């Protein structure tokens, strides 16, 4: 397994400054960009290196993926995918789940409608649903920001046992945020 931290010369730690990481990535990728080489062998090597740097940057800039990668490197295996929802996020899960289930029939009916006039008549109800989605999106964003703060505080003193629950929380919260963002976008049309 490729060590993304080593590729971008970053310490193995839970929190990284994303802007500094981006700057380092851009400098390294510019130096190895395949378009800089004309020799086919050098070009192929540069393409491989460039792809590795891109992948490393994608992994390290996302907290969930960074934690998964860090845990995998430290333990020699990926973190378990099957786990319980932490009590801290169980209530939020219930709220998100109930809202997503409630919105689903409305969106299915609205998206199946072929008449522009009938579709336009659903707009007020879509706004009502959107008014319920927006506060949950804010809560999820605040909770994710809180997790970011936790990660920052762990940089000097961390272990796999403290990181794995945070990885799982990021997994759930990011998934729920994506689902709510999808519904918000679909409600807006």
N, C-alpha and C. Protein backbone atom coordinates (compact mmCIF):
# COMPACT_ATOMS: atom_id res chain seq x y z
N UNK A 1 0.84 -1.18 0.00
CA UNK A 1 0.00 0.00 0.00
C UNK A 1 0.89 1.25 0.00
N UNK A 2 0.52 2.20 -0.84
CA UNK A 2 1.25 3.46 -0.92
C UNK A 2 0.91 4.32 0.28
N UNK A 3 1.93 4.91 0.87
CA UNK A 3 1.76 5.81 2.01
C UNK A 3 1.56 7.23 1.48
N UNK A 4 0.33 7.70 1.49
CA UNK A 4 0.02 9.04 0.98
C UNK A 4 0.70 10.13 1.78
N UNK A 5 0.88 9.90 3.07
CA UNK A 5 1.58 10.88 3.91
C UNK A 5 3.02 11.05 3.42
N UNK A 6 3.69 9.94 3.16
CA UNK A 6 5.08 9.98 2.71
C UNK A 6 5.18 10.63 1.32
N UNK A 7 4.24 10.32 0.44
CA UNK A 7 4.28 10.89 -0.91
C UNK A 7 4.23 12.42 -0.89
N UNK A 8 3.48 12.95 0.04
CA UNK A 8 3.37 14.42 0.12
C UNK A 8 4.19 14.98 1.29
N UNK A 9 5.08 14.16 1.82
CA UNK A 9 5.98 14.57 2.90
C UNK A 9 5.21 15.23 4.05
N UNK A 10 4.17 14.53 4.49
CA UNK A 10 3.35 14.99 5.61
C UNK A 10 3.51 14.01 6.77
N UNK A 11 3.46 14.51 7.99
CA UNK A 11 3.54 13.60 9.13
C UNK A 11 2.26 12.76 9.24
N UNK A 12 2.41 11.55 9.74
CA UNK A 12 1.24 10.71 9.97
C UNK A 12 0.53 11.23 11.21
N UNK A 13 -0.50 12.00 10.96
CA UNK A 13 -1.29 12.55 12.04
C UNK A 13 -2.72 12.75 11.57
N UNK A 14 -3.66 12.84 12.52
CA UNK A 14 -5.07 12.92 12.14
C UNK A 14 -5.47 14.23 11.46
N UNK A 15 -4.83 15.33 11.79
CA UNK A 15 -5.23 16.61 11.21
C UNK A 15 -4.12 17.17 10.35
N UNK A 16 -4.47 17.64 9.18
CA UNK A 16 -3.55 18.32 8.29
C UNK A 16 -4.21 19.62 7.83
N UNK A 17 -3.40 20.64 7.65
CA UNK A 17 -3.91 21.90 7.12
C UNK A 17 -4.12 21.73 5.61
N UNK A 18 -5.36 21.81 5.19
CA UNK A 18 -5.72 21.50 3.81
C UNK A 18 -5.07 22.46 2.82
N UNK A 19 -4.99 23.73 3.15
CA UNK A 19 -4.39 24.70 2.21
C UNK A 19 -2.89 24.46 2.05
N UNK A 20 -2.20 24.15 3.14
CA UNK A 20 -0.76 23.85 3.06
C UNK A 20 -0.55 22.56 2.27
N UNK A 21 -1.43 21.59 2.48
CA UNK A 21 -1.37 20.34 1.74
C UNK A 21 -1.55 20.60 0.25
N UNK A 22 -2.51 21.44 -0.09
CA UNK A 22 -2.78 21.76 -1.50
C UNK A 22 -1.57 22.43 -2.14
N UNK A 23 -0.94 23.35 -1.42
CA UNK A 23 0.24 24.04 -1.94
C UNK A 23 1.36 23.04 -2.21
N UNK A 24 1.59 22.15 -1.28
CA UNK A 24 2.64 21.13 -1.45
C UNK A 24 2.30 20.21 -2.63
N UNK A 25 1.03 19.82 -2.71
CA UNK A 25 0.59 18.95 -3.81
C UNK A 25 0.82 19.64 -5.16
N UNK A 26 0.41 20.90 -5.27
CA UNK A 26 0.56 21.60 -6.55
C UNK A 26 2.02 21.72 -6.96
N UNK A 27 2.90 21.99 -6.00
CA UNK A 27 4.33 22.11 -6.30
C UNK A 27 4.89 20.77 -6.77
N UNK A 28 4.55 19.70 -6.07
CA UNK A 28 5.08 18.38 -6.44
C UNK A 28 4.47 17.88 -7.75
N UNK A 29 3.20 18.12 -7.96
CA UNK A 29 2.58 17.64 -9.19
C UNK A 29 3.06 18.44 -10.40
N UNK A 30 3.36 19.72 -10.19
CA UNK A 30 3.90 20.52 -11.29
C UNK A 30 5.27 20.00 -11.72
N UNK A 31 6.06 19.57 -10.74
CA UNK A 31 7.41 19.07 -11.05
C UNK A 31 7.37 17.73 -11.78
N UNK A 32 6.32 16.96 -11.55
CA UNK A 32 6.25 15.63 -12.18
C UNK A 32 5.15 15.53 -13.23
N UNK A 33 4.61 16.65 -13.66
CA UNK A 33 3.53 16.61 -14.64
C UNK A 33 4.00 15.93 -15.93
N UNK A 34 3.21 14.99 -16.43
CA UNK A 34 3.62 14.24 -17.63
C UNK A 34 3.88 15.10 -18.86
N UNK A 35 3.24 16.25 -18.96
CA UNK A 35 3.44 17.11 -20.13
C UNK A 35 4.84 17.72 -20.18
N UNK A 36 5.60 17.63 -19.10
CA UNK A 36 6.96 18.19 -19.06
C UNK A 36 7.98 17.25 -19.71
N UNK A 37 7.55 16.04 -20.03
CA UNK A 37 8.49 15.04 -20.53
C UNK A 37 8.14 14.63 -21.96
N UNK A 38 9.17 14.42 -22.76
CA UNK A 38 8.95 13.99 -24.14
C UNK A 38 9.36 12.53 -24.33
N UNK A 39 10.35 12.09 -23.58
CA UNK A 39 10.78 10.69 -23.66
C UNK A 39 9.65 9.79 -23.18
N UNK A 40 9.25 8.79 -23.96
CA UNK A 40 8.11 7.92 -23.59
C UNK A 40 8.27 7.24 -22.23
N UNK A 41 9.47 6.78 -21.91
CA UNK A 41 9.68 6.12 -20.62
C UNK A 41 9.52 7.11 -19.47
N UNK A 42 10.14 8.28 -19.62
CA UNK A 42 10.02 9.31 -18.58
C UNK A 42 8.58 9.78 -18.45
N UNK A 43 7.90 9.91 -19.59
CA UNK A 43 6.50 10.35 -19.58
C UNK A 43 5.63 9.34 -18.84
N UNK A 44 5.85 8.06 -19.09
CA UNK A 44 5.07 7.02 -18.42
C UNK A 44 5.35 7.02 -16.91
N UNK A 45 6.59 7.16 -16.52
CA UNK A 45 6.95 7.25 -15.10
C UNK A 45 6.30 8.47 -14.47
N UNK A 46 6.33 9.59 -15.18
CA UNK A 46 5.72 10.82 -14.68
C UNK A 46 4.20 10.67 -14.54
N UNK A 47 3.57 9.98 -15.50
CA UNK A 47 2.13 9.76 -15.41
C UNK A 47 1.78 8.95 -14.17
N UNK A 48 2.57 7.92 -13.91
CA UNK A 48 2.33 7.10 -12.72
C UNK A 48 2.52 7.93 -11.46
N UNK A 49 3.59 8.68 -11.40
CA UNK A 49 3.88 9.51 -10.22
C UNK A 49 2.79 10.58 -10.04
N UNK A 50 2.39 11.19 -11.14
CA UNK A 50 1.35 12.22 -11.09
C UNK A 50 0.03 11.64 -10.57
N UNK A 51 -0.32 10.46 -11.05
CA UNK A 51 -1.55 9.79 -10.57
C UNK A 51 -1.44 9.47 -9.08
N UNK A 52 -0.28 9.00 -8.64
CA UNK A 52 -0.08 8.70 -7.22
C UNK A 52 -0.23 9.96 -6.36
N UNK A 53 0.33 11.06 -6.83
CA UNK A 53 0.22 12.33 -6.08
C UNK A 53 -1.23 12.79 -6.02
N UNK A 54 -1.95 12.68 -7.13
CA UNK A 54 -3.37 13.06 -7.14
C UNK A 54 -4.16 12.23 -6.14
N UNK A 55 -3.93 10.94 -6.16
CA UNK A 55 -4.63 10.04 -5.24
C UNK A 55 -4.29 10.39 -3.80
N UNK A 56 -3.01 10.60 -3.53
CA UNK A 56 -2.57 10.96 -2.17
C UNK A 56 -3.24 12.25 -1.70
N UNK A 57 -3.30 13.23 -2.58
CA UNK A 57 -3.94 14.50 -2.22
C UNK A 57 -5.42 14.31 -1.92
N UNK A 58 -6.10 13.53 -2.77
CA UNK A 58 -7.53 13.27 -2.55
C UNK A 58 -7.76 12.58 -1.21
N UNK A 59 -6.91 11.64 -0.87
CA UNK A 59 -7.05 10.91 0.40
C UNK A 59 -6.80 11.83 1.59
N UNK A 60 -5.72 12.59 1.53
CA UNK A 60 -5.32 13.37 2.70
C UNK A 60 -6.15 14.63 2.92
N UNK A 61 -6.79 15.14 1.90
CA UNK A 61 -7.57 16.37 2.10
C UNK A 61 -8.93 16.11 2.73
N UNK A 62 -9.41 14.87 2.67
CA UNK A 62 -10.70 14.50 3.24
C UNK A 62 -10.48 13.84 4.60
N UNK A 63 -11.03 14.39 5.67
CA UNK A 63 -10.77 13.83 7.01
C UNK A 63 -11.13 12.36 7.15
N UNK A 64 -12.26 11.96 6.60
CA UNK A 64 -12.67 10.55 6.70
C UNK A 64 -11.67 9.65 5.99
N UNK A 65 -11.32 9.99 4.78
CA UNK A 65 -10.38 9.17 4.01
C UNK A 65 -8.99 9.20 4.63
N UNK A 66 -8.61 10.37 5.18
CA UNK A 66 -7.30 10.48 5.83
C UNK A 66 -7.24 9.55 7.05
N UNK A 67 -8.30 9.57 7.86
CA UNK A 67 -8.33 8.70 9.04
C UNK A 67 -8.32 7.22 8.64
N UNK A 68 -9.08 6.88 7.62
CA UNK A 68 -9.10 5.49 7.16
C UNK A 68 -7.71 5.07 6.71
N UNK A 69 -7.04 5.94 5.97
CA UNK A 69 -5.70 5.65 5.48
C UNK A 69 -4.71 5.53 6.64
N UNK A 70 -4.81 6.45 7.59
CA UNK A 70 -3.92 6.43 8.75
C UNK A 70 -4.11 5.15 9.56
N UNK A 71 -5.36 4.80 9.81
CA UNK A 71 -5.65 3.56 10.54
C UNK A 71 -5.15 2.34 9.79
N UNK A 72 -5.31 2.34 8.48
CA UNK A 72 -4.86 1.21 7.67
C UNK A 72 -3.33 1.09 7.72
N UNK A 73 -2.64 2.21 7.61
CA UNK A 73 -1.18 2.17 7.67
C UNK A 73 -0.69 1.70 9.04
N UNK A 74 -1.30 2.21 10.09
CA UNK A 74 -0.86 1.89 11.44
C UNK A 74 -1.17 0.45 11.83
N UNK A 75 -2.32 -0.05 11.41
CA UNK A 75 -2.75 -1.39 11.80
C UNK A 75 -2.41 -2.47 10.78
N UNK A 76 -2.16 -2.05 9.56
CA UNK A 76 -1.92 -3.03 8.50
C UNK A 76 -3.21 -3.59 7.92
N UNK A 77 -4.34 -3.01 8.27
CA UNK A 77 -5.64 -3.43 7.75
C UNK A 77 -6.61 -2.25 7.84
N UNK A 78 -7.62 -2.28 7.00
CA UNK A 78 -8.63 -1.23 7.02
C UNK A 78 -9.46 -1.32 8.30
N UNK A 79 -10.01 -0.20 8.75
CA UNK A 79 -10.91 -0.26 9.90
C UNK A 79 -12.17 -1.04 9.55
N UNK A 80 -12.76 -1.64 10.55
CA UNK A 80 -13.99 -2.40 10.34
C UNK A 80 -15.07 -1.49 9.80
N UNK A 81 -15.80 -1.99 8.81
CA UNK A 81 -16.91 -1.22 8.23
C UNK A 81 -18.19 -1.40 9.03
N UNK A 82 -18.32 -2.54 9.68
CA UNK A 82 -19.53 -2.82 10.45
C UNK A 82 -19.31 -2.35 11.87
N UNK A 83 -20.18 -1.46 12.31
CA UNK A 83 -20.06 -0.93 13.66
C UNK A 83 -21.38 -0.29 14.03
N UNK A 84 -21.52 -0.01 15.28
CA UNK A 84 -22.74 0.65 15.76
C UNK A 84 -22.63 2.15 15.60
N UNK A 85 -23.77 2.77 15.42
CA UNK A 85 -23.79 4.23 15.39
C UNK A 85 -23.53 4.70 16.81
N UNK A 86 -22.61 5.63 16.95
CA UNK A 86 -22.28 6.15 18.27
C UNK A 86 -23.50 6.87 18.85
N UNK A 87 -23.64 6.80 20.15
CA UNK A 87 -24.80 7.42 20.80
C UNK A 87 -24.87 8.91 20.51
N UNK A 88 -23.71 9.54 20.34
CA UNK A 88 -23.68 10.98 20.07
C UNK A 88 -24.36 11.34 18.75
N UNK A 89 -24.41 10.40 17.82
CA UNK A 89 -25.02 10.70 16.53
C UNK A 89 -26.31 9.92 16.27
N UNK A 90 -26.73 9.10 17.23
CA UNK A 90 -27.92 8.26 17.03
C UNK A 90 -29.18 9.11 16.84
N UNK A 91 -29.35 10.15 17.66
CA UNK A 91 -30.53 11.01 17.51
C UNK A 91 -30.53 11.72 16.17
N UNK A 92 -29.37 12.20 15.77
CA UNK A 92 -29.26 12.88 14.48
C UNK A 92 -29.57 11.91 13.34
N UNK A 93 -29.09 10.68 13.46
CA UNK A 93 -29.39 9.66 12.45
C UNK A 93 -30.90 9.47 12.31
N UNK A 94 -31.57 9.40 13.45
CA UNK A 94 -33.02 9.19 13.42
C UNK A 94 -33.72 10.35 12.72
N UNK A 95 -33.31 11.57 13.01
CA UNK A 95 -33.92 12.74 12.39
C UNK A 95 -33.69 12.74 10.87
N UNK A 96 -32.45 12.48 10.48
CA UNK A 96 -32.12 12.47 9.05
C UNK A 96 -32.88 11.35 8.35
N UNK A 97 -32.88 10.17 8.93
CA UNK A 97 -33.56 9.02 8.33
C UNK A 97 -35.06 9.29 8.16
N UNK A 98 -35.69 9.82 9.20
CA UNK A 98 -37.13 10.10 9.11
C UNK A 98 -37.44 11.12 8.03
N UNK A 99 -36.62 12.16 7.96
CA UNK A 99 -36.86 13.19 6.96
C UNK A 99 -36.64 12.65 5.54
N UNK A 100 -35.57 11.88 5.35
CA UNK A 100 -35.31 11.32 4.02
C UNK A 100 -36.44 10.40 3.58
N UNK A 101 -36.95 9.59 4.50
CA UNK A 101 -38.07 8.70 4.17
C UNK A 101 -39.34 9.48 3.86
N UNK A 102 -39.56 10.57 4.58
CA UNK A 102 -40.76 11.37 4.37
C UNK A 102 -40.72 12.10 3.02
N UNK A 103 -39.54 12.54 2.63
CA UNK A 103 -39.38 13.30 1.38
C UNK A 103 -39.45 12.38 0.15
N UNK A 104 -39.04 11.15 0.29
CA UNK A 104 -38.91 10.23 -0.85
C UNK A 104 -40.17 10.13 -1.71
N UNK A 105 -41.37 9.90 -1.12
CA UNK A 105 -42.56 9.79 -1.99
C UNK A 105 -42.86 11.10 -2.73
N UNK A 106 -42.67 12.22 -2.06
CA UNK A 106 -42.91 13.51 -2.70
C UNK A 106 -41.99 13.68 -3.90
N UNK A 107 -40.69 13.41 -3.71
CA UNK A 107 -39.74 13.57 -4.81
C UNK A 107 -40.03 12.59 -5.95
N UNK A 108 -40.38 11.37 -5.61
CA UNK A 108 -40.69 10.38 -6.65
C UNK A 108 -41.86 10.84 -7.50
N UNK A 109 -42.90 11.34 -6.84
CA UNK A 109 -44.08 11.81 -7.57
C UNK A 109 -43.74 13.05 -8.38
N UNK A 110 -43.01 13.96 -7.78
CA UNK A 110 -42.67 15.21 -8.46
C UNK A 110 -41.79 14.95 -9.68
N UNK A 111 -40.81 14.07 -9.53
CA UNK A 111 -39.88 13.81 -10.63
C UNK A 111 -40.52 12.97 -11.73
N UNK A 112 -41.59 12.26 -11.42
CA UNK A 112 -42.30 11.49 -12.43
C UNK A 112 -43.27 12.36 -13.23
N UNK A 113 -43.61 13.51 -12.69
CA UNK A 113 -44.56 14.41 -13.34
C UNK A 113 -43.97 14.95 -14.64
N UNK A 114 -44.75 14.87 -15.70
CA UNK A 114 -44.27 15.34 -17.01
C UNK A 114 -44.83 16.71 -17.37
N UNK A 115 -45.89 17.11 -16.72
CA UNK A 115 -46.48 18.41 -17.02
C UNK A 115 -45.73 19.52 -16.27
N UNK A 116 -45.18 20.49 -16.99
CA UNK A 116 -44.49 21.59 -16.32
C UNK A 116 -45.40 22.37 -15.37
N UNK A 117 -46.66 22.51 -15.72
CA UNK A 117 -47.60 23.24 -14.86
C UNK A 117 -47.82 22.49 -13.55
N UNK A 118 -48.07 21.19 -13.63
CA UNK A 118 -48.28 20.41 -12.42
C UNK A 118 -46.99 20.34 -11.59
N UNK A 119 -45.85 20.28 -12.26
CA UNK A 119 -44.57 20.28 -11.54
C UNK A 119 -44.38 21.61 -10.81
N UNK A 120 -44.73 22.70 -11.45
CA UNK A 120 -44.60 24.02 -10.83
C UNK A 120 -45.51 24.16 -9.62
N UNK A 121 -46.64 23.50 -9.65
CA UNK A 121 -47.57 23.58 -8.52
C UNK A 121 -47.03 22.88 -7.27
N UNK A 122 -46.02 22.04 -7.42
CA UNK A 122 -45.43 21.37 -6.26
C UNK A 122 -44.37 22.23 -5.57
N UNK A 123 -44.06 23.36 -6.17
CA UNK A 123 -42.98 24.20 -5.63
C UNK A 123 -43.22 24.64 -4.18
N UNK A 124 -44.41 25.09 -3.79
CA UNK A 124 -44.61 25.47 -2.38
C UNK A 124 -44.35 24.30 -1.41
N UNK A 125 -44.78 23.12 -1.77
CA UNK A 125 -44.53 21.97 -0.89
C UNK A 125 -43.04 21.64 -0.87
N UNK A 126 -42.37 21.79 -2.01
CA UNK A 126 -40.93 21.56 -2.05
C UNK A 126 -40.20 22.54 -1.13
N UNK A 127 -40.65 23.77 -1.10
CA UNK A 127 -40.05 24.76 -0.19
C UNK A 127 -40.27 24.39 1.28
N UNK A 128 -41.44 23.84 1.58
CA UNK A 128 -41.69 23.37 2.94
C UNK A 128 -40.72 22.26 3.33
N UNK A 129 -40.51 21.33 2.42
CA UNK A 129 -39.54 20.25 2.69
C UNK A 129 -38.13 20.82 2.84
N UNK A 130 -37.82 21.77 1.97
CA UNK A 130 -36.49 22.39 2.03
C UNK A 130 -36.28 23.10 3.37
N UNK A 131 -37.32 23.68 3.91
CA UNK A 131 -37.24 24.33 5.23
C UNK A 131 -36.94 23.32 6.34
N UNK A 132 -37.23 22.06 6.11
CA UNK A 132 -36.90 21.02 7.09
C UNK A 132 -35.50 20.45 6.85
N UNK A 133 -35.06 20.45 5.61
CA UNK A 133 -33.74 19.93 5.27
C UNK A 133 -32.64 20.88 5.76
N UNK A 134 -32.84 22.16 5.56
CA UNK A 134 -31.80 23.15 5.83
C UNK A 134 -31.28 23.12 7.28
N UNK A 135 -32.14 23.08 8.29
CA UNK A 135 -31.60 23.04 9.66
C UNK A 135 -30.76 21.78 9.94
N UNK A 136 -31.16 20.66 9.36
CA UNK A 136 -30.37 19.44 9.55
C UNK A 136 -29.01 19.55 8.85
N UNK A 137 -28.99 20.20 7.70
CA UNK A 137 -27.72 20.42 7.01
C UNK A 137 -26.80 21.26 7.89
N UNK A 138 -27.34 22.28 8.52
CA UNK A 138 -26.54 23.13 9.41
C UNK A 138 -26.01 22.34 10.60
N UNK A 139 -26.85 21.51 11.18
CA UNK A 139 -26.42 20.68 12.32
C UNK A 139 -25.29 19.75 11.89
N UNK A 140 -25.45 19.11 10.75
CA UNK A 140 -24.41 18.21 10.26
C UNK A 140 -23.10 18.95 10.01
N UNK A 141 -23.17 20.13 9.41
CA UNK A 141 -21.96 20.91 9.16
C UNK A 141 -21.29 21.32 10.46
N UNK A 142 -22.10 21.73 11.45
CA UNK A 142 -21.53 22.10 12.75
C UNK A 142 -20.89 20.90 13.43
N UNK A 143 -21.54 19.75 13.34
CA UNK A 143 -21.00 18.54 13.95
C UNK A 143 -19.70 18.13 13.28
N UNK A 144 -19.64 18.25 11.96
CA UNK A 144 -18.40 17.95 11.25
C UNK A 144 -17.29 18.93 11.62
N UNK A 145 -17.63 20.19 11.80
CA UNK A 145 -16.64 21.17 12.24
C UNK A 145 -16.12 20.84 13.64
N UNK A 146 -17.01 20.37 14.48
CA UNK A 146 -16.61 19.94 15.82
C UNK A 146 -15.64 18.76 15.76
N UNK A 147 -15.91 17.82 14.86
CA UNK A 147 -14.99 16.70 14.68
C UNK A 147 -13.63 17.18 14.18
N UNK A 148 -13.63 18.15 13.28
CA UNK A 148 -12.37 18.72 12.79
C UNK A 148 -11.56 19.29 13.96
N UNK A 149 -12.24 19.99 14.86
CA UNK A 149 -11.57 20.56 16.03
C UNK A 149 -10.99 19.46 16.91
N UNK A 150 -11.74 18.37 17.07
CA UNK A 150 -11.24 17.23 17.84
C UNK A 150 -9.98 16.65 17.20
N UNK A 151 -10.00 16.53 15.88
CA UNK A 151 -8.83 15.99 15.19
C UNK A 151 -7.61 16.88 15.39
N UNK A 152 -7.82 18.18 15.30
CA UNK A 152 -6.70 19.11 15.50
C UNK A 152 -6.08 18.92 16.88
N UNK A 153 -6.92 18.73 17.87
CA UNK A 153 -6.41 18.59 19.24
C UNK A 153 -5.70 17.25 19.46
N UNK A 154 -5.94 16.28 18.61
CA UNK A 154 -5.34 14.96 18.77
C UNK A 154 -3.99 14.81 18.09
N UNK A 155 -3.56 15.79 17.32
CA UNK A 155 -2.34 15.63 16.53
C UNK A 155 -1.13 15.21 17.37
N UNK A 156 -1.01 15.74 18.57
CA UNK A 156 0.16 15.44 19.38
C UNK A 156 0.04 14.14 20.16
N UNK A 157 -1.20 13.70 20.39
CA UNK A 157 -1.40 12.52 21.24
C UNK A 157 -2.59 11.72 20.71
N UNK A 158 -2.33 10.78 19.85
CA UNK A 158 -3.41 9.97 19.28
C UNK A 158 -2.99 8.51 19.24
N UNK A 159 -4.00 7.67 19.15
CA UNK A 159 -3.78 6.25 18.91
C UNK A 159 -4.97 5.74 18.09
N UNK A 160 -4.84 4.55 17.59
CA UNK A 160 -5.88 3.99 16.71
C UNK A 160 -7.22 3.87 17.41
N UNK A 161 -7.20 3.58 18.68
CA UNK A 161 -8.45 3.41 19.43
C UNK A 161 -9.22 4.73 19.55
N UNK A 162 -8.52 5.85 19.60
CA UNK A 162 -9.21 7.14 19.66
C UNK A 162 -9.66 7.60 18.27
N UNK A 163 -8.93 7.17 17.24
CA UNK A 163 -9.26 7.63 15.88
C UNK A 163 -10.39 6.85 15.22
N UNK A 164 -10.50 5.57 15.52
CA UNK A 164 -11.50 4.77 14.82
C UNK A 164 -12.92 5.26 15.03
N UNK A 165 -13.34 5.60 16.26
CA UNK A 165 -14.70 6.13 16.42
C UNK A 165 -14.91 7.44 15.63
N UNK A 166 -13.87 8.26 15.56
CA UNK A 166 -13.99 9.50 14.79
C UNK A 166 -14.12 9.20 13.29
N UNK A 167 -13.38 8.22 12.82
CA UNK A 167 -13.51 7.80 11.42
C UNK A 167 -14.95 7.38 11.12
N UNK A 168 -15.53 6.58 12.01
CA UNK A 168 -16.90 6.13 11.80
C UNK A 168 -17.89 7.29 11.84
N UNK A 169 -17.66 8.23 12.75
CA UNK A 169 -18.55 9.40 12.80
C UNK A 169 -18.46 10.20 11.50
N UNK A 170 -17.23 10.43 11.03
CA UNK A 170 -17.08 11.13 9.75
C UNK A 170 -17.82 10.37 8.64
N UNK A 171 -17.70 9.05 8.64
CA UNK A 171 -18.35 8.25 7.60
C UNK A 171 -19.85 8.51 7.58
N UNK A 172 -20.47 8.40 8.73
CA UNK A 172 -21.91 8.61 8.80
C UNK A 172 -22.30 10.04 8.47
N UNK A 173 -21.64 10.98 9.13
CA UNK A 173 -22.03 12.39 8.96
C UNK A 173 -21.85 12.86 7.52
N UNK A 174 -20.76 12.47 6.89
CA UNK A 174 -20.55 12.87 5.50
C UNK A 174 -21.59 12.24 4.58
N UNK A 175 -21.93 11.00 4.84
CA UNK A 175 -22.94 10.32 4.02
C UNK A 175 -24.29 11.03 4.17
N UNK A 176 -24.66 11.33 5.42
CA UNK A 176 -25.95 12.00 5.64
C UNK A 176 -25.95 13.39 5.02
N UNK A 177 -24.83 14.10 5.11
CA UNK A 177 -24.75 15.43 4.51
C UNK A 177 -24.92 15.33 3.00
N UNK A 178 -24.27 14.35 2.38
CA UNK A 178 -24.43 14.16 0.93
C UNK A 178 -25.88 13.87 0.57
N UNK A 179 -26.54 13.02 1.36
CA UNK A 179 -27.93 12.70 1.08
C UNK A 179 -28.82 13.93 1.22
N UNK A 180 -28.62 14.71 2.27
CA UNK A 180 -29.43 15.91 2.45
C UNK A 180 -29.13 16.95 1.37
N UNK A 181 -27.87 17.08 0.98
CA UNK A 181 -27.53 18.01 -0.10
C UNK A 181 -28.20 17.58 -1.40
N UNK A 182 -28.23 16.27 -1.66
CA UNK A 182 -28.91 15.76 -2.84
C UNK A 182 -30.39 16.12 -2.81
N UNK A 183 -31.03 15.89 -1.66
CA UNK A 183 -32.47 16.19 -1.56
C UNK A 183 -32.72 17.68 -1.70
N UNK A 184 -31.87 18.50 -1.12
CA UNK A 184 -32.03 19.96 -1.23
C UNK A 184 -31.95 20.39 -2.69
N UNK A 185 -31.00 19.82 -3.42
CA UNK A 185 -30.86 20.17 -4.82
C UNK A 185 -32.09 19.71 -5.61
N UNK A 186 -32.54 18.50 -5.36
CA UNK A 186 -33.71 17.99 -6.06
C UNK A 186 -34.98 18.76 -5.71
N UNK A 187 -35.08 19.24 -4.48
CA UNK A 187 -36.24 20.03 -4.09
C UNK A 187 -36.24 21.41 -4.74
N UNK A 188 -35.05 21.90 -5.05
CA UNK A 188 -34.92 23.23 -5.63
C UNK A 188 -35.35 23.30 -7.08
N UNK A 189 -35.43 22.17 -7.76
CA UNK A 189 -35.79 22.18 -9.19
C UNK A 189 -37.27 22.02 -9.38
